[in-house]
């Protein structure tokens, strides 16, 4: 109801002829679709189960240095995320729930949203610095309005309000591609390492980021970016892998693919899920199709590597769509991640403008002198 009211007021403001109509429209949409629902849901403690899982993983990390229970008894005690996701549960573990303010600030959704918005801000800032060419078309204000309107759309506002756990992953992946498009391999590697420590579904982005760095910076940039990404991921994941290797494998890899001791709640009727429901043969068929689709995307990166932010985001979005559609267990909500990547690439990256012909100045080393005119001879 709040989102519908916000969208209606935003539409009315957008149709007005006032100079600040767009700004008012975006603010109304954000207030109705994001601010009000988030505040109400956080104050009432209403959220999807993922929020509780993240907050519990933060508490377990403080207590035992690993977010995984050694012997979970219910599906609610399973942590299907890599250790980096526990960072967003640390505020709840530190602040506790005594009092309205600590209870509000400890909600993992707020920190997930802050990470996502921070990544968007950093990506826009990175894309404003042109490398080897003119900047993107469009003023900063108009692009800011477009990004704000997309954040208020259901594709982002809904997960931000009820769950939010996929938003940091989306923001970090987008930031990785933005840094790679701007020939900043170390920054891209750091952002990619942070993303890969949240969910293993971020790992396909390594191939996309490497090919984009190779296009812009060559072999040296690829090596620097890959070393930082792989080394950072290992540094963030290795402690939990050493402390609880069995629970990590069972809960992070086996459980989401439907091979764990508990049935995963991600059971949308997608092609991979339907095949896996036919039995062991169907499960292996879904895995085979998944590997074939991943191989096809990888070959496309070699044949026609991405050359800018938009093409890289599109290629990663295609790969993630293939993975989510053909995985033995998945849900429709996962598709919001590739959609968000593709849309943000167009809003933040955009097209490149060519230098106008009348602004080009052609200079030579020395201006040519006009040929002398011979003097006229008098009549004899």
Protein backbone atom coordinates (compact mmCIF):
# COMPACT_ATOMS: atom_id res chain seq x y z
CA UNK A 1 0.00 0.00 0.00
CA UNK A 2 2.81 2.38 0.86
CA UNK A 3 4.66 1.63 -2.38
CA UNK A 4 1.51 2.10 -4.47
CA UNK A 5 0.86 5.47 -2.82
CA UNK A 6 4.46 6.51 -3.40
CA UNK A 7 4.36 5.53 -7.05
CA UNK A 8 1.06 7.36 -7.58
CA UNK A 9 2.35 10.56 -5.99
CA UNK A 10 5.58 10.23 -7.97
CA UNK A 11 3.64 9.93 -11.23
CA UNK A 12 1.65 13.06 -10.43
CA UNK A 13 4.83 14.98 -9.58
CA UNK A 14 6.53 13.80 -12.77
CA UNK A 15 3.67 15.14 -14.89
CA UNK A 16 3.92 18.59 -13.34
CA UNK A 17 5.62 21.39 -15.23
CA UNK A 18 7.70 22.56 -12.27
CA UNK A 19 11.49 22.66 -12.71
CA UNK A 20 12.09 20.25 -9.83
CA UNK A 21 9.36 17.84 -10.86
CA UNK A 22 11.76 14.96 -11.51
CA UNK A 23 13.56 15.38 -8.22
CA UNK A 24 10.31 15.50 -6.27
CA UNK A 25 9.00 12.48 -8.17
CA UNK A 26 12.05 10.35 -7.35
CA UNK A 27 11.99 11.41 -3.70
CA UNK A 28 8.32 10.50 -3.36
CA UNK A 29 8.90 7.11 -4.95
CA UNK A 30 11.84 6.39 -2.66
CA UNK A 31 9.93 7.51 0.41
CA UNK A 32 6.86 5.43 -0.37
CA UNK A 33 8.54 2.29 -1.72
CA UNK A 34 11.68 2.14 0.40
CA UNK A 35 11.84 4.38 3.46
CA UNK A 36 8.38 3.79 4.93
CA UNK A 37 8.28 -0.01 4.35
CA UNK A 38 11.81 -0.51 5.70
CA UNK A 39 11.08 1.45 8.88
CA UNK A 40 7.80 -0.36 9.49
CA UNK A 41 9.21 -3.82 8.82
CA UNK A 42 12.30 -3.23 10.94
CA UNK A 43 10.32 -1.83 13.87
CA UNK A 44 7.87 -4.74 13.78
CA UNK A 45 10.63 -7.34 13.29
CA UNK A 46 9.10 -8.64 10.07
CA UNK A 47 11.58 -10.09 7.59
CA UNK A 48 12.35 -13.12 5.49
CA UNK A 49 14.29 -15.95 7.08
CA UNK A 50 17.54 -14.87 5.39
CA UNK A 51 17.82 -11.87 7.70
CA UNK A 52 17.77 -14.07 10.78
CA UNK A 53 20.33 -16.42 9.22
CA UNK A 54 22.74 -13.55 8.55
CA UNK A 55 22.32 -12.12 12.03
CA UNK A 56 22.87 -15.55 13.61
CA UNK A 57 25.99 -16.07 11.50
CA UNK A 58 27.40 -12.81 12.86
CA UNK A 59 26.78 -13.98 16.42
CA UNK A 60 28.38 -17.35 15.72
CA UNK A 61 31.40 -15.66 14.18
CA UNK A 62 31.97 -13.68 17.36
CA UNK A 63 31.60 -16.75 19.52
CA UNK A 64 33.46 -19.43 17.56
CA UNK A 65 35.18 -17.55 14.68
CA UNK A 66 33.06 -19.41 12.11
CA UNK A 67 29.43 -18.85 11.09
CA UNK A 68 28.54 -22.55 10.74
CA UNK A 69 26.95 -24.79 13.35
CA UNK A 70 28.68 -28.17 13.45
CA UNK A 71 25.43 -30.14 13.61
CA UNK A 72 22.32 -28.18 12.53
CA UNK A 73 19.04 -29.81 13.49
CA UNK A 74 16.65 -27.74 11.35
CA UNK A 75 16.84 -25.93 8.04
CA UNK A 76 16.74 -22.64 9.93
CA UNK A 77 20.11 -23.44 11.50
CA UNK A 78 21.82 -23.86 8.13
CA UNK A 79 24.03 -20.99 6.90
CA UNK A 80 24.15 -21.24 3.09
CA UNK A 81 26.49 -18.25 2.70
CA UNK A 82 30.24 -17.89 2.68
CA UNK A 83 31.89 -16.33 5.77
CA UNK A 84 31.90 -12.79 4.40
CA UNK A 85 28.13 -12.51 4.74
CA UNK A 86 28.49 -12.71 8.53
CA UNK A 87 29.84 -9.14 8.50
CA UNK A 88 26.30 -7.83 8.04
CA UNK A 89 25.18 -9.76 11.11
CA UNK A 90 27.89 -8.38 13.38
CA UNK A 91 25.96 -5.19 14.33
CA UNK A 92 23.16 -7.31 15.79
CA UNK A 93 25.66 -9.45 17.66
CA UNK A 94 27.44 -6.40 19.09
CA UNK A 95 24.44 -4.15 19.83
CA UNK A 96 22.00 -6.85 20.88
CA UNK A 97 18.26 -6.25 21.00
CA UNK A 98 17.87 -4.38 24.28
CA UNK A 99 16.20 -1.10 23.42
CA UNK A 100 14.59 0.24 20.26
CA UNK A 101 17.70 1.98 18.90
CA UNK A 102 20.08 -1.01 19.15
CA UNK A 103 17.35 -3.24 17.78
CA UNK A 104 16.90 -0.89 14.83
CA UNK A 105 20.59 -0.37 14.07
CA UNK A 106 21.33 -4.07 14.41
CA UNK A 107 19.01 -5.11 11.60
CA UNK A 108 21.08 -6.70 8.85
CA UNK A 109 18.87 -5.21 6.11
CA UNK A 110 20.06 -1.70 6.91
CA UNK A 111 23.70 -2.64 6.54
CA UNK A 112 23.04 -4.62 3.36
CA UNK A 113 21.27 -1.60 1.90
CA UNK A 114 24.10 0.70 3.01
CA UNK A 115 26.66 -1.54 1.29
CA UNK A 116 24.62 -1.63 -1.91
CA UNK A 117 24.11 2.13 -2.03
CA UNK A 118 27.77 2.73 -1.18
CA UNK A 119 28.83 0.53 -4.09
CA UNK A 120 26.52 2.45 -6.43
CA UNK A 121 28.02 5.74 -5.28
CA UNK A 122 31.57 4.45 -5.76
CA UNK A 123 30.73 3.03 -9.20
CA UNK A 124 29.21 6.32 -10.37
CA UNK A 125 32.25 8.17 -9.07
CA UNK A 126 34.59 5.80 -10.90
CA UNK A 127 32.68 6.11 -14.17
CA UNK A 128 32.93 9.91 -14.05
CA UNK A 129 36.66 9.66 -14.58
CA UNK A 130 37.16 8.98 -18.28
CA UNK A 131 40.11 6.89 -19.42
CA UNK A 132 41.27 7.39 -22.96
CA UNK A 133 38.13 9.11 -24.15
CA UNK A 134 35.33 11.57 -23.40
CA UNK A 135 33.00 11.08 -20.49
CA UNK A 136 29.59 9.50 -20.67
CA UNK A 137 26.64 11.35 -22.09
CA UNK A 138 24.20 12.99 -19.73
CA UNK A 139 24.46 15.24 -16.73
CA UNK A 140 25.15 13.89 -13.27
CA UNK A 141 21.77 15.06 -12.03
CA UNK A 142 19.80 13.23 -14.71
CA UNK A 143 21.75 10.04 -14.13
CA UNK A 144 21.24 10.38 -10.40
CA UNK A 145 17.49 10.68 -10.91
CA UNK A 146 17.51 7.58 -13.10
CA UNK A 147 19.44 5.53 -10.54
CA UNK A 148 17.17 6.76 -7.74
CA UNK A 149 14.07 5.81 -9.72
CA UNK A 150 15.47 2.33 -10.31
CA UNK A 151 16.24 1.89 -6.61
CA UNK A 152 12.61 2.76 -5.91
CA UNK A 153 11.39 0.21 -8.46
CA UNK A 154 10.12 -3.20 -7.25
CA UNK A 155 13.24 -4.95 -8.59
CA UNK A 156 15.36 -3.28 -5.89
CA UNK A 157 12.89 -1.92 -3.34
CA UNK A 158 11.22 -5.27 -2.61
CA UNK A 159 14.38 -7.25 -1.75
CA UNK A 160 15.78 -4.23 0.07
CA UNK A 161 12.77 -4.11 2.38
CA UNK A 162 12.16 -7.79 3.10
CA UNK A 163 15.58 -9.43 2.78
CA UNK A 164 18.46 -7.47 1.31
CA UNK A 165 21.08 -10.25 1.41
CA UNK A 166 21.62 -10.24 -2.37
CA UNK A 167 22.07 -6.46 -2.59
CA UNK A 168 25.67 -6.33 -1.29
CA UNK A 169 26.62 -9.02 -3.79
CA UNK A 170 24.98 -7.10 -6.63
CA UNK A 171 26.63 -3.83 -5.63
CA UNK A 172 30.10 -5.35 -5.29
CA UNK A 173 29.85 -7.13 -8.65
CA UNK A 174 28.79 -3.92 -10.34
CA UNK A 175 31.59 -2.01 -8.62
CA UNK A 176 34.07 -4.64 -9.81
CA UNK A 177 33.05 -4.16 -13.44
CA UNK A 178 33.14 -0.37 -13.09
CA UNK A 179 36.71 -0.47 -11.73
CA UNK A 180 37.77 -2.91 -14.43
CA UNK A 181 36.31 -0.66 -17.13
CA UNK A 182 38.38 2.21 -15.69
CA UNK A 183 41.68 0.27 -15.70
CA UNK A 184 41.89 -0.04 -11.92
CA UNK A 185 42.85 -3.70 -11.44
CA UNK A 186 43.69 -3.55 -7.73
CA UNK A 187 40.40 -1.85 -6.84
CA UNK A 188 38.51 -4.30 -9.06
CA UNK A 189 40.27 -7.22 -7.39
CA UNK A 190 39.40 -5.97 -3.90
CA UNK A 191 35.72 -5.52 -4.77
CA UNK A 192 35.63 -8.92 -6.44
CA UNK A 193 37.25 -10.59 -3.42
CA UNK A 194 34.61 -9.08 -1.14
CA UNK A 195 31.85 -10.33 -3.47
CA UNK A 196 33.33 -13.83 -3.74
CA UNK A 197 33.47 -14.09 0.05
CA UNK A 198 29.70 -13.54 0.31
CA UNK A 199 28.34 -16.18 -2.08
CA UNK A 200 29.94 -18.64 -4.45
CA UNK A 201 27.51 -17.50 -7.14
CA UNK A 202 29.83 -14.48 -7.51
CA UNK A 203 32.70 -16.63 -8.75
CA UNK A 204 31.67 -16.52 -12.46
CA UNK A 205 32.36 -12.77 -12.31
CA UNK A 206 36.08 -13.54 -12.11
CA UNK A 207 36.17 -14.60 -15.77
CA UNK A 208 34.21 -11.53 -16.90
CA UNK A 209 36.36 -9.11 -14.90
CA UNK A 210 39.58 -10.73 -16.16
CA UNK A 211 38.58 -10.43 -19.81
CA UNK A 212 37.52 -6.81 -19.32
CA UNK A 213 40.84 -6.00 -17.63
CA UNK A 214 42.69 -7.74 -20.46
CA UNK A 215 40.93 -5.56 -23.01
CA UNK A 216 41.81 -2.31 -21.23
CA UNK A 217 45.06 -2.99 -19.40
CA UNK A 218 46.71 -6.05 -20.90
CA UNK A 219 48.41 -8.97 -19.16
CA UNK A 220 49.85 -6.92 -16.32
CA UNK A 221 46.43 -5.62 -15.27
CA UNK A 222 44.96 -9.13 -15.48
CA UNK A 223 47.67 -10.56 -13.22
CA UNK A 224 47.32 -7.79 -10.65
CA UNK A 225 43.54 -7.98 -10.56
CA UNK A 226 43.43 -11.79 -10.44
CA UNK A 227 46.04 -12.04 -7.69
CA UNK A 228 44.23 -9.52 -5.52
CA UNK A 229 40.82 -11.16 -6.12
CA UNK A 230 41.95 -14.73 -5.49
CA UNK A 231 44.24 -13.82 -2.61
CA UNK A 232 41.58 -11.69 -0.93
CA UNK A 233 38.95 -14.42 -1.28
CA UNK A 234 41.24 -17.03 0.20
CA UNK A 235 42.15 -14.72 3.06
CA UNK A 236 38.48 -14.14 3.91
CA UNK A 237 37.24 -17.72 3.48
CA UNK A 238 40.22 -19.80 4.63
CA UNK A 239 39.80 -19.35 8.41
CA UNK A 240 36.27 -20.77 8.39
CA UNK A 241 37.31 -23.46 5.93
CA UNK A 242 40.03 -24.61 8.34
CA UNK A 243 37.87 -24.39 11.46
CA UNK A 244 34.78 -26.11 10.05
CA UNK A 245 35.48 -27.67 6.62
CA UNK A 246 32.68 -30.22 6.77
CA UNK A 247 29.86 -27.83 7.76
CA UNK A 248 31.06 -25.29 5.18
CA UNK A 249 30.88 -27.82 2.34
CA UNK A 250 27.55 -29.24 3.47
CA UNK A 251 25.81 -25.92 4.13
CA UNK A 252 27.32 -23.66 1.44
CA UNK A 253 27.63 -26.03 -1.52
CA UNK A 254 25.55 -29.18 -0.93
CA UNK A 255 22.49 -27.55 0.65
CA UNK A 256 21.76 -24.94 -2.09
CA UNK A 257 22.06 -27.59 -4.81
CA UNK A 258 19.60 -29.92 -3.13
CA UNK A 259 22.19 -32.47 -1.96
CA UNK A 260 22.30 -31.56 1.71
CA UNK A 261 20.59 -33.20 4.69
CA UNK A 262 17.74 -30.67 4.51
CA UNK A 263 15.55 -29.68 1.60
CA UNK A 264 16.29 -26.19 0.40
CA UNK A 265 13.39 -23.71 0.39
CA UNK A 266 14.58 -22.44 -3.02
CA UNK A 267 12.14 -24.55 -5.02
CA UNK A 268 10.70 -22.35 -7.76
CA UNK A 269 9.56 -24.33 -10.85
CA UNK A 270 12.56 -23.37 -12.98
CA UNK A 271 13.96 -25.79 -15.61
CA UNK A 272 16.81 -27.07 -13.45
CA UNK A 273 14.53 -27.62 -10.48
CA UNK A 274 12.00 -29.50 -12.60
CA UNK A 275 14.73 -31.78 -13.96
CA UNK A 276 16.14 -32.42 -10.50
CA UNK A 277 12.68 -33.42 -9.29
CA UNK A 278 12.71 -36.40 -11.66
CA UNK A 279 15.27 -38.22 -9.54
CA UNK A 280 19.06 -38.73 -9.55
CA UNK A 281 19.20 -38.93 -13.34
CA UNK A 282 17.33 -35.66 -13.63
CA UNK A 283 19.65 -34.02 -11.10
CA UNK A 284 22.71 -35.03 -13.05
CA UNK A 285 21.05 -33.87 -16.27
CA UNK A 286 20.46 -30.45 -14.71
CA UNK A 287 24.10 -30.29 -13.59
CA UNK A 288 25.29 -31.29 -17.06
CA UNK A 289 23.17 -28.58 -18.68
CA UNK A 290 24.43 -26.08 -16.11
CA UNK A 291 28.06 -26.91 -16.89
CA UNK A 292 27.37 -26.76 -20.63
CA UNK A 293 25.76 -23.34 -20.28
CA UNK A 294 28.67 -22.07 -18.21
CA UNK A 295 31.14 -23.40 -20.79
CA UNK A 296 29.24 -21.65 -23.58
CA UNK A 297 29.40 -18.32 -21.75
CA UNK A 298 33.12 -18.83 -21.09
CA UNK A 299 33.79 -19.55 -24.77
CA UNK A 300 31.89 -16.38 -25.70
CA UNK A 301 34.25 -14.42 -23.45
CA UNK A 302 37.22 -15.77 -25.41
CA UNK A 303 35.69 -15.26 -28.84
CA UNK A 304 34.20 -11.84 -28.22
CA UNK A 305 35.45 -10.37 -24.92
CA UNK A 306 33.54 -7.46 -23.35
CA UNK A 307 34.98 -4.01 -24.00
CA UNK A 308 33.10 -1.70 -21.63
CA UNK A 309 30.89 -1.68 -18.56
CA UNK A 310 27.68 -2.37 -20.44
CA UNK A 311 28.95 -5.33 -22.44
CA UNK A 312 30.62 -6.84 -19.36
CA UNK A 313 27.47 -6.46 -17.25
CA UNK A 314 25.37 -8.03 -20.02
CA UNK A 315 27.73 -11.01 -20.30
CA UNK A 316 27.73 -11.55 -16.55
CA UNK A 317 23.95 -11.18 -16.46
CA UNK A 318 23.60 -13.85 -19.17
CA UNK A 319 25.87 -16.21 -17.26
CA UNK A 320 23.98 -15.71 -14.00
CA UNK A 321 20.64 -16.22 -15.74
CA UNK A 322 21.89 -19.51 -17.18
CA UNK A 323 23.10 -20.57 -13.73
CA UNK A 324 19.89 -19.66 -11.93
CA UNK A 325 17.62 -21.21 -14.55
CA UNK A 326 19.51 -24.51 -14.83
CA UNK A 327 20.57 -24.96 -11.19
CA UNK A 328 19.00 -27.98 -9.46
CA UNK A 329 17.50 -25.60 -6.88
CA UNK A 330 16.61 -21.96 -7.40
CA UNK A 331 13.97 -19.31 -7.03
CA UNK A 332 12.57 -16.53 -9.21
CA UNK A 333 13.98 -13.87 -6.90
CA UNK A 334 17.53 -14.77 -7.90
CA UNK A 335 16.89 -13.33 -11.37
CA UNK A 336 16.70 -9.84 -9.86
CA UNK A 337 20.51 -9.87 -9.61
CA UNK A 338 21.29 -10.11 -13.36
CA UNK A 339 18.44 -7.72 -14.17
CA UNK A 340 19.85 -5.15 -11.75
CA UNK A 341 23.34 -5.48 -13.20
CA UNK A 342 22.13 -4.95 -16.77
CA UNK A 343 19.96 -1.96 -15.90
CA UNK A 344 22.56 -0.24 -13.72
CA UNK A 345 25.17 -0.59 -16.46
CA UNK A 346 22.93 1.42 -18.77
CA UNK A 347 22.07 4.03 -16.16
CA UNK A 348 25.59 4.58 -14.86
CA UNK A 349 27.75 3.61 -17.83
CA UNK A 350 25.64 4.70 -20.76
CA UNK A 351 26.91 5.36 -24.25
CA UNK A 352 29.92 7.36 -25.30
CA UNK A 353 29.63 10.56 -27.21
CA UNK A 354 31.79 11.39 -30.16
CA UNK A 355 33.59 14.68 -30.40
CA UNK A 356 31.57 17.12 -32.49
CA UNK A 357 33.07 17.95 -35.87
CA UNK A 358 32.99 21.70 -35.26
CA UNK A 359 35.04 21.26 -32.03
CA UNK A 360 37.91 19.48 -33.75
CA UNK A 361 40.91 21.64 -34.53
CA UNK A 362 43.35 20.40 -37.13
CA UNK A 363 46.81 21.86 -36.65
CA UNK A 364 49.87 21.62 -38.87
CA UNK A 365 53.47 22.23 -37.99
CA UNK A 366 53.61 25.51 -39.97
CA UNK A 367 50.77 27.33 -41.68
CA UNK A 368 51.05 27.30 -45.44
CA UNK A 369 51.81 30.63 -47.10
CA UNK A 370 49.70 31.77 -50.03
CA UNK A 371 51.38 31.65 -53.39
CA UNK A 372 52.70 35.06 -54.54
CA UNK A 373 50.69 36.83 -57.20
CA UNK A 374 52.87 37.96 -60.12
CA UNK A 375 52.84 41.68 -60.81
CA UNK A 376 50.97 42.79 -63.89
CA UNK A 377 53.16 44.00 -66.75
CA UNK A 378 52.42 47.30 -68.34
CA UNK A 379 51.36 47.49 -71.95
CA UNK A 380 54.10 48.34 -74.46
